[in-house]
């Protein structure tokens, strides 16, 4: 899967999302401008802190703007998460190479982009009067639904205890 962050502002969210990308084998796509510094020689300390020691394993690509991103992925199926969508994120079928796009924390994906993607806009249900969820939570919700639909390809089905053993072994 591919996670796209359009102009992310908070380094902590991007760090958390990067960690989720590592755990799921997803590629992170970052569309500038961003509200923090991230380049080959410097990673914002809050990105690193939230991403823990996983940040060095994050597979990510940066783009100067949305047009550059689109040119790099002309045939991509992009699901755009927005509170303004008609369909719920659970009402669509995701493919393994799809892109899940999320907007910046303060404003979401610009409407100028959304209007061209009406058929692939999705939303997470919330109570009326709620503006939005935390960005890293929203990414995890939608990503794990997409992975669930694909039966979690390549992901471990169960875990082991660190010091003790389970009394009964479960089969996945």
N, C-alpha and C. Protein backbone atom coordinates (compact mmCIF):
# COMPACT_ATOMS: atom_id res chain seq x y z
N UNK A 1 0.85 -1.18 0.00
CA UNK A 1 0.00 0.00 0.00
C UNK A 1 0.89 1.24 0.00
N UNK A 2 0.27 2.35 -0.33
CA UNK A 2 0.96 3.63 -0.38
C UNK A 2 0.18 4.65 0.44
N UNK A 3 0.87 5.36 1.31
CA UNK A 3 0.27 6.42 2.11
C UNK A 3 0.81 7.74 1.60
N UNK A 4 -0.11 8.67 1.31
CA UNK A 4 0.26 9.99 0.81
C UNK A 4 -0.17 11.03 1.83
N UNK A 5 0.77 11.86 2.26
CA UNK A 5 0.45 12.98 3.14
C UNK A 5 0.63 14.27 2.35
N UNK A 6 -0.46 15.00 2.19
CA UNK A 6 -0.42 16.25 1.45
C UNK A 6 -0.14 17.38 2.43
N UNK A 7 1.05 17.94 2.36
CA UNK A 7 1.49 19.07 3.17
C UNK A 7 1.31 18.84 4.68
N UNK A 8 1.87 17.76 5.20
CA UNK A 8 1.75 17.51 6.64
C UNK A 8 2.41 18.62 7.45
N UNK A 9 1.79 18.95 8.57
CA UNK A 9 2.28 20.07 9.40
C UNK A 9 2.95 19.63 10.68
N UNK A 10 2.50 18.54 11.27
CA UNK A 10 2.98 18.13 12.59
C UNK A 10 3.96 16.96 12.46
N UNK A 11 5.20 17.18 12.87
CA UNK A 11 6.20 16.12 12.73
C UNK A 11 5.86 14.86 13.53
N UNK A 12 5.19 15.03 14.65
CA UNK A 12 4.84 13.86 15.46
C UNK A 12 3.92 12.92 14.68
N UNK A 13 2.93 13.48 13.97
CA UNK A 13 2.03 12.66 13.18
C UNK A 13 2.79 11.93 12.08
N UNK A 14 3.66 12.65 11.40
CA UNK A 14 4.42 12.03 10.31
C UNK A 14 5.32 10.92 10.86
N UNK A 15 5.91 11.13 12.02
CA UNK A 15 6.73 10.07 12.65
C UNK A 15 5.90 8.85 12.97
N UNK A 16 4.72 9.05 13.56
CA UNK A 16 3.83 7.93 13.86
C UNK A 16 3.41 7.19 12.60
N UNK A 17 3.07 7.95 11.56
CA UNK A 17 2.64 7.35 10.30
C UNK A 17 3.79 6.59 9.66
N UNK A 18 5.00 7.13 9.74
CA UNK A 18 6.17 6.41 9.23
C UNK A 18 6.34 5.07 9.92
N UNK A 19 6.16 5.05 11.22
CA UNK A 19 6.27 3.81 11.99
C UNK A 19 5.20 2.81 11.54
N UNK A 20 3.99 3.29 11.30
CA UNK A 20 2.92 2.43 10.80
C UNK A 20 3.26 1.90 9.42
N UNK A 21 3.87 2.73 8.59
CA UNK A 21 4.28 2.28 7.25
C UNK A 21 5.31 1.16 7.34
N UNK A 22 6.27 1.28 8.25
CA UNK A 22 7.26 0.22 8.43
C UNK A 22 6.57 -1.07 8.87
N UNK A 23 5.65 -0.98 9.81
CA UNK A 23 4.97 -2.16 10.35
C UNK A 23 4.09 -2.86 9.32
N UNK A 24 3.66 -2.13 8.29
CA UNK A 24 2.75 -2.70 7.30
C UNK A 24 3.39 -2.87 5.93
N UNK A 25 4.65 -2.48 5.78
CA UNK A 25 5.30 -2.59 4.49
C UNK A 25 4.79 -1.57 3.48
N UNK A 26 4.26 -0.47 3.95
CA UNK A 26 3.70 0.56 3.07
C UNK A 26 4.75 1.62 2.75
N UNK A 27 4.59 2.24 1.60
CA UNK A 27 5.49 3.31 1.17
C UNK A 27 4.84 4.65 1.53
N UNK A 28 5.62 5.57 2.07
CA UNK A 28 5.13 6.88 2.48
C UNK A 28 5.51 7.91 1.42
N UNK A 29 4.53 8.69 0.97
CA UNK A 29 4.73 9.74 -0.01
C UNK A 29 4.41 11.07 0.66
N UNK A 30 5.36 11.99 0.65
CA UNK A 30 5.21 13.28 1.32
C UNK A 30 5.19 14.40 0.29
N UNK A 31 4.07 15.15 0.26
CA UNK A 31 3.94 16.26 -0.68
C UNK A 31 4.18 17.56 0.06
N UNK A 32 5.12 18.33 -0.43
CA UNK A 32 5.51 19.59 0.20
C UNK A 32 4.54 20.71 -0.15
N UNK A 33 4.60 21.81 0.63
CA UNK A 33 5.50 22.07 1.75
C UNK A 33 5.07 21.32 3.01
N UNK A 34 6.05 21.08 3.88
CA UNK A 34 5.79 20.41 5.15
C UNK A 34 6.08 21.38 6.29
N UNK A 35 5.50 21.13 7.42
CA UNK A 35 5.68 22.00 8.58
C UNK A 35 6.89 21.66 9.41
N UNK A 36 7.85 20.96 8.84
CA UNK A 36 9.06 20.54 9.56
C UNK A 36 10.13 20.23 8.53
N UNK A 37 11.35 20.05 9.02
CA UNK A 37 12.48 19.77 8.13
C UNK A 37 12.71 18.26 8.05
N UNK A 38 12.86 17.81 6.82
CA UNK A 38 13.13 16.39 6.58
C UNK A 38 13.91 16.31 5.27
N UNK A 39 15.17 15.96 5.38
CA UNK A 39 15.97 15.77 4.17
C UNK A 39 17.04 14.72 4.43
N UNK A 40 17.91 14.51 3.46
CA UNK A 40 18.91 13.45 3.58
C UNK A 40 19.85 13.62 4.76
N UNK A 41 20.09 14.86 5.18
CA UNK A 41 21.05 15.08 6.25
C UNK A 41 20.41 15.45 7.59
N UNK A 42 19.08 15.70 7.59
CA UNK A 42 18.45 16.11 8.84
C UNK A 42 17.01 15.60 8.90
N UNK A 43 16.66 15.00 10.03
CA UNK A 43 15.29 14.59 10.30
C UNK A 43 14.85 15.29 11.57
N UNK A 44 13.75 16.01 11.51
CA UNK A 44 13.21 16.72 12.67
C UNK A 44 13.19 15.79 13.89
N UNK A 45 13.59 16.32 15.05
CA UNK A 45 13.69 15.48 16.26
C UNK A 45 12.33 14.92 16.67
N UNK A 46 11.23 15.62 16.37
CA UNK A 46 9.91 15.13 16.73
C UNK A 46 9.47 14.00 15.79
N UNK A 47 9.88 14.07 14.53
CA UNK A 47 9.62 12.97 13.60
C UNK A 47 10.35 11.73 14.10
N UNK A 48 11.63 11.90 14.45
CA UNK A 48 12.43 10.76 14.94
C UNK A 48 11.87 10.20 16.24
N UNK A 49 11.47 11.09 17.16
CA UNK A 49 10.96 10.63 18.45
C UNK A 49 9.69 9.81 18.26
N UNK A 50 8.75 10.31 17.46
CA UNK A 50 7.49 9.59 17.24
C UNK A 50 7.71 8.32 16.42
N UNK A 51 8.64 8.37 15.47
CA UNK A 51 8.92 7.20 14.64
C UNK A 51 9.85 6.20 15.31
N UNK A 52 10.38 6.59 16.48
CA UNK A 52 11.32 5.77 17.24
C UNK A 52 12.48 5.33 16.35
N UNK A 53 13.00 4.16 16.61
CA UNK A 53 14.13 3.69 15.81
C UNK A 53 13.69 3.13 14.46
N UNK A 54 12.39 3.22 14.17
CA UNK A 54 11.87 2.76 12.89
C UNK A 54 12.11 3.76 11.77
N UNK A 55 12.33 5.04 12.10
CA UNK A 55 12.37 6.05 11.04
C UNK A 55 13.41 5.74 9.97
N UNK A 56 14.54 5.18 10.36
CA UNK A 56 15.57 4.88 9.36
C UNK A 56 15.13 3.77 8.41
N UNK A 57 14.08 3.05 8.73
CA UNK A 57 13.57 1.99 7.86
C UNK A 57 12.40 2.46 6.98
N UNK A 58 11.92 3.67 7.20
CA UNK A 58 10.77 4.17 6.44
C UNK A 58 11.17 4.36 4.98
N UNK A 59 10.39 3.77 4.10
CA UNK A 59 10.57 4.00 2.66
C UNK A 59 9.69 5.18 2.30
N UNK A 60 10.31 6.30 1.97
CA UNK A 60 9.50 7.46 1.64
C UNK A 60 10.05 8.20 0.44
N UNK A 61 9.15 8.92 -0.20
CA UNK A 61 9.50 9.76 -1.35
C UNK A 61 8.87 11.13 -1.12
N UNK A 62 9.62 12.17 -1.45
CA UNK A 62 9.13 13.55 -1.32
C UNK A 62 8.83 14.12 -2.70
N UNK A 63 7.82 14.98 -2.74
CA UNK A 63 7.41 15.63 -3.98
C UNK A 63 7.25 17.12 -3.71
N UNK A 64 7.63 17.94 -4.66
CA UNK A 64 7.55 19.40 -4.49
C UNK A 64 6.10 19.89 -4.40
N UNK A 65 5.16 19.20 -5.07
CA UNK A 65 3.76 19.58 -5.02
C UNK A 65 2.91 18.43 -5.56
N UNK A 66 1.60 18.61 -5.56
CA UNK A 66 0.70 17.54 -5.99
C UNK A 66 0.87 17.22 -7.47
N UNK A 67 1.11 18.22 -8.31
CA UNK A 67 1.30 17.98 -9.73
C UNK A 67 2.50 17.08 -10.00
N UNK A 68 3.58 17.31 -9.28
CA UNK A 68 4.77 16.47 -9.44
C UNK A 68 4.45 15.04 -8.99
N UNK A 69 3.72 14.89 -7.91
CA UNK A 69 3.30 13.57 -7.44
C UNK A 69 2.47 12.86 -8.51
N UNK A 70 1.49 13.55 -9.09
CA UNK A 70 0.62 12.96 -10.12
C UNK A 70 1.43 12.54 -11.35
N UNK A 71 2.38 13.36 -11.74
CA UNK A 71 3.21 13.01 -12.90
C UNK A 71 4.05 11.77 -12.62
N UNK A 72 4.47 11.60 -11.39
CA UNK A 72 5.26 10.42 -11.01
C UNK A 72 4.40 9.16 -10.95
N UNK A 73 3.08 9.32 -10.75
CA UNK A 73 2.17 8.18 -10.60
C UNK A 73 0.90 8.43 -11.43
N UNK A 74 1.03 8.50 -12.75
CA UNK A 74 -0.10 8.90 -13.59
C UNK A 74 -1.30 7.95 -13.57
N UNK A 75 -1.07 6.68 -13.34
CA UNK A 75 -2.16 5.70 -13.36
C UNK A 75 -2.60 5.24 -11.98
N UNK A 76 -2.14 5.94 -10.96
CA UNK A 76 -2.43 5.52 -9.58
C UNK A 76 -3.90 5.69 -9.23
N UNK A 77 -4.42 4.73 -8.49
CA UNK A 77 -5.76 4.87 -7.91
C UNK A 77 -5.56 5.52 -6.55
N UNK A 78 -6.09 6.72 -6.40
CA UNK A 78 -5.87 7.48 -5.17
C UNK A 78 -7.20 7.62 -4.42
N UNK A 79 -7.23 7.08 -3.22
CA UNK A 79 -8.38 7.24 -2.33
C UNK A 79 -8.08 8.45 -1.46
N UNK A 80 -8.95 9.43 -1.49
CA UNK A 80 -8.72 10.68 -0.75
C UNK A 80 -9.61 10.73 0.48
N UNK A 81 -8.98 10.73 1.63
CA UNK A 81 -9.72 10.78 2.89
C UNK A 81 -10.12 12.22 3.20
N UNK A 82 -11.41 12.44 3.32
CA UNK A 82 -11.93 13.78 3.62
C UNK A 82 -13.25 13.66 4.36
N UNK A 83 -13.49 14.56 5.27
CA UNK A 83 -14.76 14.56 6.00
C UNK A 83 -15.93 14.94 5.10
N UNK A 84 -15.65 15.38 3.89
CA UNK A 84 -16.68 15.83 2.97
C UNK A 84 -17.16 14.75 2.00
N UNK A 85 -16.60 13.56 2.06
CA UNK A 85 -16.92 12.48 1.12
C UNK A 85 -18.32 11.91 1.33
N UNK A 86 -18.87 11.36 0.26
CA UNK A 86 -20.17 10.70 0.32
C UNK A 86 -20.05 9.28 0.87
N UNK A 87 -18.97 8.57 0.51
CA UNK A 87 -18.83 7.17 0.88
C UNK A 87 -17.91 6.98 2.08
N UNK A 88 -18.23 5.96 2.86
CA UNK A 88 -17.39 5.57 3.99
C UNK A 88 -16.18 4.79 3.50
N UNK A 89 -15.13 4.81 4.26
CA UNK A 89 -13.90 4.09 3.90
C UNK A 89 -14.12 2.59 3.85
N UNK A 90 -15.17 2.09 4.47
CA UNK A 90 -15.48 0.65 4.47
C UNK A 90 -16.35 0.24 3.29
N UNK A 91 -16.78 1.19 2.48
CA UNK A 91 -17.69 0.90 1.37
C UNK A 91 -16.99 0.79 0.02
N UNK A 92 -15.68 0.73 0.03
CA UNK A 92 -14.93 0.63 -1.22
C UNK A 92 -13.99 -0.57 -1.16
N UNK A 93 -13.50 -0.98 -2.33
CA UNK A 93 -12.55 -2.10 -2.41
C UNK A 93 -11.18 -1.55 -2.75
N UNK A 94 -10.21 -1.88 -1.92
CA UNK A 94 -8.85 -1.39 -2.08
C UNK A 94 -7.99 -2.45 -2.76
N UNK A 95 -7.05 -1.99 -3.58
CA UNK A 95 -6.08 -2.87 -4.21
C UNK A 95 -4.72 -2.72 -3.55
N UNK A 96 -3.84 -3.68 -3.73
CA UNK A 96 -2.54 -3.65 -3.05
C UNK A 96 -1.63 -2.50 -3.46
N UNK A 97 -1.86 -1.91 -4.63
CA UNK A 97 -1.02 -0.82 -5.10
C UNK A 97 -1.70 0.54 -5.01
N UNK A 98 -2.86 0.58 -4.34
CA UNK A 98 -3.60 1.84 -4.22
C UNK A 98 -2.87 2.83 -3.33
N UNK A 99 -3.23 4.10 -3.49
CA UNK A 99 -2.68 5.18 -2.70
C UNK A 99 -3.79 5.72 -1.80
N UNK A 100 -3.49 5.87 -0.51
CA UNK A 100 -4.42 6.45 0.46
C UNK A 100 -3.88 7.83 0.81
N UNK A 101 -4.63 8.87 0.43
CA UNK A 101 -4.12 10.23 0.61
C UNK A 101 -4.86 10.94 1.73
N UNK A 102 -4.10 11.69 2.52
CA UNK A 102 -4.61 12.44 3.66
C UNK A 102 -4.06 13.85 3.61
N UNK A 103 -4.87 14.82 4.01
CA UNK A 103 -4.46 16.22 3.96
C UNK A 103 -3.81 16.69 5.24
N UNK A 104 -3.37 17.94 5.20
CA UNK A 104 -2.71 18.50 6.37
C UNK A 104 -3.68 18.64 7.53
N UNK A 105 -3.11 18.64 8.70
CA UNK A 105 -3.90 18.61 9.94
C UNK A 105 -4.87 19.77 10.06
N UNK A 106 -4.51 20.94 9.64
CA UNK A 106 -5.36 22.12 9.86
C UNK A 106 -6.45 22.32 8.83
N UNK A 107 -6.33 21.69 7.65
CA UNK A 107 -7.30 22.00 6.60
C UNK A 107 -7.67 20.82 5.70
N UNK A 108 -7.02 19.70 5.84
CA UNK A 108 -7.33 18.56 4.99
C UNK A 108 -6.79 18.74 3.58
N UNK A 109 -7.32 17.96 2.66
CA UNK A 109 -6.94 18.04 1.25
C UNK A 109 -7.68 19.22 0.63
N UNK A 110 -7.01 20.07 -0.12
CA UNK A 110 -7.69 21.23 -0.73
C UNK A 110 -8.85 20.80 -1.63
N UNK A 111 -9.93 21.56 -1.57
CA UNK A 111 -11.11 21.26 -2.38
C UNK A 111 -10.79 21.29 -3.87
N UNK A 112 -9.80 22.10 -4.27
CA UNK A 112 -9.39 22.16 -5.67
C UNK A 112 -8.88 20.80 -6.16
N UNK A 113 -8.36 20.00 -5.27
CA UNK A 113 -7.92 18.64 -5.61
C UNK A 113 -9.11 17.69 -5.49
N UNK A 114 -9.87 17.79 -4.41
CA UNK A 114 -10.96 16.86 -4.16
C UNK A 114 -11.98 16.80 -5.30
N UNK A 115 -12.32 17.94 -5.90
CA UNK A 115 -13.37 17.95 -6.92
C UNK A 115 -13.02 17.07 -8.12
N UNK A 116 -11.75 16.84 -8.37
CA UNK A 116 -11.35 15.97 -9.47
C UNK A 116 -11.33 14.49 -9.08
N UNK A 117 -11.58 14.19 -7.81
CA UNK A 117 -11.51 12.82 -7.31
C UNK A 117 -12.77 12.42 -6.55
N UNK A 118 -13.89 12.97 -6.92
CA UNK A 118 -15.14 12.73 -6.18
C UNK A 118 -15.44 11.24 -6.01
N UNK A 119 -15.20 10.45 -7.03
CA UNK A 119 -15.51 9.01 -6.97
C UNK A 119 -14.60 8.22 -6.04
N UNK A 120 -13.44 8.77 -5.72
CA UNK A 120 -12.53 8.05 -4.83
C UNK A 120 -12.31 8.78 -3.50
N UNK A 121 -13.23 9.68 -3.17
CA UNK A 121 -13.18 10.32 -1.85
C UNK A 121 -13.88 9.41 -0.84
N UNK A 122 -13.26 9.26 0.32
CA UNK A 122 -13.80 8.41 1.38
C UNK A 122 -13.75 9.17 2.70
N UNK A 123 -14.60 8.73 3.64
CA UNK A 123 -14.59 9.38 4.95
C UNK A 123 -14.72 8.35 6.06
N UNK A 124 -14.25 8.75 7.21
CA UNK A 124 -14.39 7.97 8.44
C UNK A 124 -15.57 8.58 9.18
N UNK A 125 -16.57 7.78 9.57
CA UNK A 125 -17.74 8.36 10.25
C UNK A 125 -17.38 8.94 11.62
N UNK A 126 -17.99 10.08 11.92
CA UNK A 126 -17.79 10.76 13.21
C UNK A 126 -19.10 11.41 13.61
N UNK A 127 -19.22 11.74 14.86
CA UNK A 127 -20.40 12.47 15.32
C UNK A 127 -20.45 13.86 14.70
N UNK A 128 -21.64 14.34 14.46
CA UNK A 128 -21.83 15.68 13.92
C UNK A 128 -21.16 16.71 14.84
N UNK A 129 -20.53 17.67 14.24
CA UNK A 129 -19.85 18.70 15.02
C UNK A 129 -18.39 18.41 15.26
N UNK A 130 -17.95 17.19 14.93
CA UNK A 130 -16.54 16.83 15.07
C UNK A 130 -15.84 17.21 13.77
N UNK A 131 -14.78 17.99 13.85
CA UNK A 131 -14.09 18.44 12.65
C UNK A 131 -13.25 17.35 12.00
N UNK A 132 -12.49 16.63 12.82
CA UNK A 132 -11.60 15.62 12.25
C UNK A 132 -11.01 14.74 13.35
N UNK A 133 -10.38 13.67 12.92
CA UNK A 133 -9.61 12.81 13.81
C UNK A 133 -8.14 13.19 13.71
N UNK A 134 -7.34 12.72 14.63
CA UNK A 134 -5.90 12.88 14.54
C UNK A 134 -5.42 12.21 13.26
N UNK A 135 -4.52 12.86 12.55
CA UNK A 135 -4.06 12.37 11.25
C UNK A 135 -3.48 10.96 11.33
N UNK A 136 -2.61 10.70 12.30
CA UNK A 136 -2.00 9.37 12.35
C UNK A 136 -3.04 8.30 12.69
N UNK A 137 -4.06 8.64 13.48
CA UNK A 137 -5.14 7.69 13.75
C UNK A 137 -5.95 7.42 12.49
N UNK A 138 -6.26 8.47 11.73
CA UNK A 138 -7.04 8.32 10.50
C UNK A 138 -6.30 7.43 9.50
N UNK A 139 -5.00 7.64 9.36
CA UNK A 139 -4.20 6.81 8.45
C UNK A 139 -4.28 5.35 8.88
N UNK A 140 -4.10 5.08 10.16
CA UNK A 140 -4.13 3.70 10.64
C UNK A 140 -5.49 3.06 10.42
N UNK A 141 -6.56 3.79 10.66
CA UNK A 141 -7.91 3.25 10.47
C UNK A 141 -8.12 2.80 9.03
N UNK A 142 -7.84 3.68 8.09
CA UNK A 142 -8.09 3.38 6.68
C UNK A 142 -7.10 2.34 6.16
N UNK A 143 -5.83 2.47 6.50
CA UNK A 143 -4.83 1.52 6.04
C UNK A 143 -5.16 0.11 6.49
N UNK A 144 -5.52 -0.06 7.75
CA UNK A 144 -5.79 -1.41 8.24
C UNK A 144 -7.08 -1.99 7.66
N UNK A 145 -8.03 -1.16 7.28
CA UNK A 145 -9.19 -1.68 6.56
C UNK A 145 -8.77 -2.17 5.18
N UNK A 146 -7.94 -1.38 4.50
CA UNK A 146 -7.45 -1.80 3.18
C UNK A 146 -6.68 -3.11 3.28
N UNK A 147 -5.83 -3.23 4.28
CA UNK A 147 -5.06 -4.46 4.47
C UNK A 147 -5.96 -5.63 4.88
N UNK A 148 -6.97 -5.36 5.69
CA UNK A 148 -7.92 -6.42 6.08
C UNK A 148 -8.61 -6.99 4.86
N UNK A 149 -9.04 -6.10 3.96
CA UNK A 149 -9.70 -6.57 2.74
C UNK A 149 -8.80 -7.47 1.91
N UNK A 150 -7.50 -7.28 2.01
CA UNK A 150 -6.54 -8.08 1.27
C UNK A 150 -6.01 -9.25 2.10
N UNK A 151 -6.62 -9.46 3.26
CA UNK A 151 -6.24 -10.53 4.19
C UNK A 151 -4.82 -10.36 4.72
N UNK A 152 -4.42 -9.13 4.96
CA UNK A 152 -3.14 -8.78 5.58
C UNK A 152 -1.95 -9.48 4.91
N UNK A 153 -1.73 -9.21 3.63
CA UNK A 153 -0.67 -9.90 2.90
C UNK A 153 0.72 -9.68 3.51
N UNK A 154 1.39 -10.77 3.82
CA UNK A 154 2.75 -10.69 4.32
C UNK A 154 2.89 -10.26 5.77
N UNK A 155 1.77 -10.01 6.44
CA UNK A 155 1.85 -9.56 7.83
C UNK A 155 1.65 -10.73 8.77
N UNK A 156 2.37 -10.71 9.87
CA UNK A 156 2.30 -11.78 10.87
C UNK A 156 0.90 -11.88 11.45
N UNK A 157 0.36 -13.08 11.50
CA UNK A 157 -1.00 -13.27 11.97
C UNK A 157 -1.12 -13.28 13.50
N UNK A 158 -0.07 -13.66 14.20
CA UNK A 158 -0.11 -13.70 15.66
C UNK A 158 1.29 -13.47 16.21
N UNK A 159 1.38 -13.23 17.49
CA UNK A 159 2.66 -12.94 18.09
C UNK A 159 3.04 -13.90 19.20
N UNK A 160 4.21 -13.73 19.69
CA UNK A 160 4.72 -14.54 20.80
C UNK A 160 5.02 -13.62 21.97
N UNK A 161 4.92 -14.17 23.17
CA UNK A 161 5.30 -13.44 24.37
C UNK A 161 6.82 -13.31 24.42
N UNK A 162 7.31 -12.32 25.13
CA UNK A 162 8.77 -12.12 25.21
C UNK A 162 9.44 -13.07 26.19
N UNK A 163 8.86 -13.19 27.39
CA UNK A 163 9.52 -13.99 28.43
C UNK A 163 8.85 -15.33 28.68
N UNK A 164 7.55 -15.40 28.48
CA UNK A 164 6.80 -16.62 28.77
C UNK A 164 6.26 -17.22 27.48
N UNK A 165 5.54 -18.34 27.63
CA UNK A 165 4.91 -18.95 26.46
C UNK A 165 3.42 -19.03 26.68
N UNK A 166 2.68 -18.92 25.58
CA UNK A 166 1.24 -19.10 25.66
C UNK A 166 0.94 -20.53 26.10
N UNK A 167 -0.11 -20.74 26.89
CA UNK A 167 -0.48 -22.07 27.34
C UNK A 167 -0.98 -22.93 26.18
N UNK A 168 -1.60 -22.26 25.23
CA UNK A 168 -2.15 -23.00 24.10
C UNK A 168 -1.73 -22.27 22.82
N UNK A 169 -1.19 -23.01 21.89
CA UNK A 169 -0.77 -22.41 20.61
C UNK A 169 -2.02 -22.24 19.74
N UNK A 170 -2.17 -21.03 19.20
CA UNK A 170 -3.27 -20.74 18.30
C UNK A 170 -2.77 -20.84 16.87
N UNK A 171 -3.60 -21.34 15.99
CA UNK A 171 -3.23 -21.35 14.58
C UNK A 171 -3.86 -20.15 13.91
N UNK A 172 -3.10 -19.51 13.02
CA UNK A 172 -3.64 -18.31 12.35
C UNK A 172 -4.81 -18.62 11.45
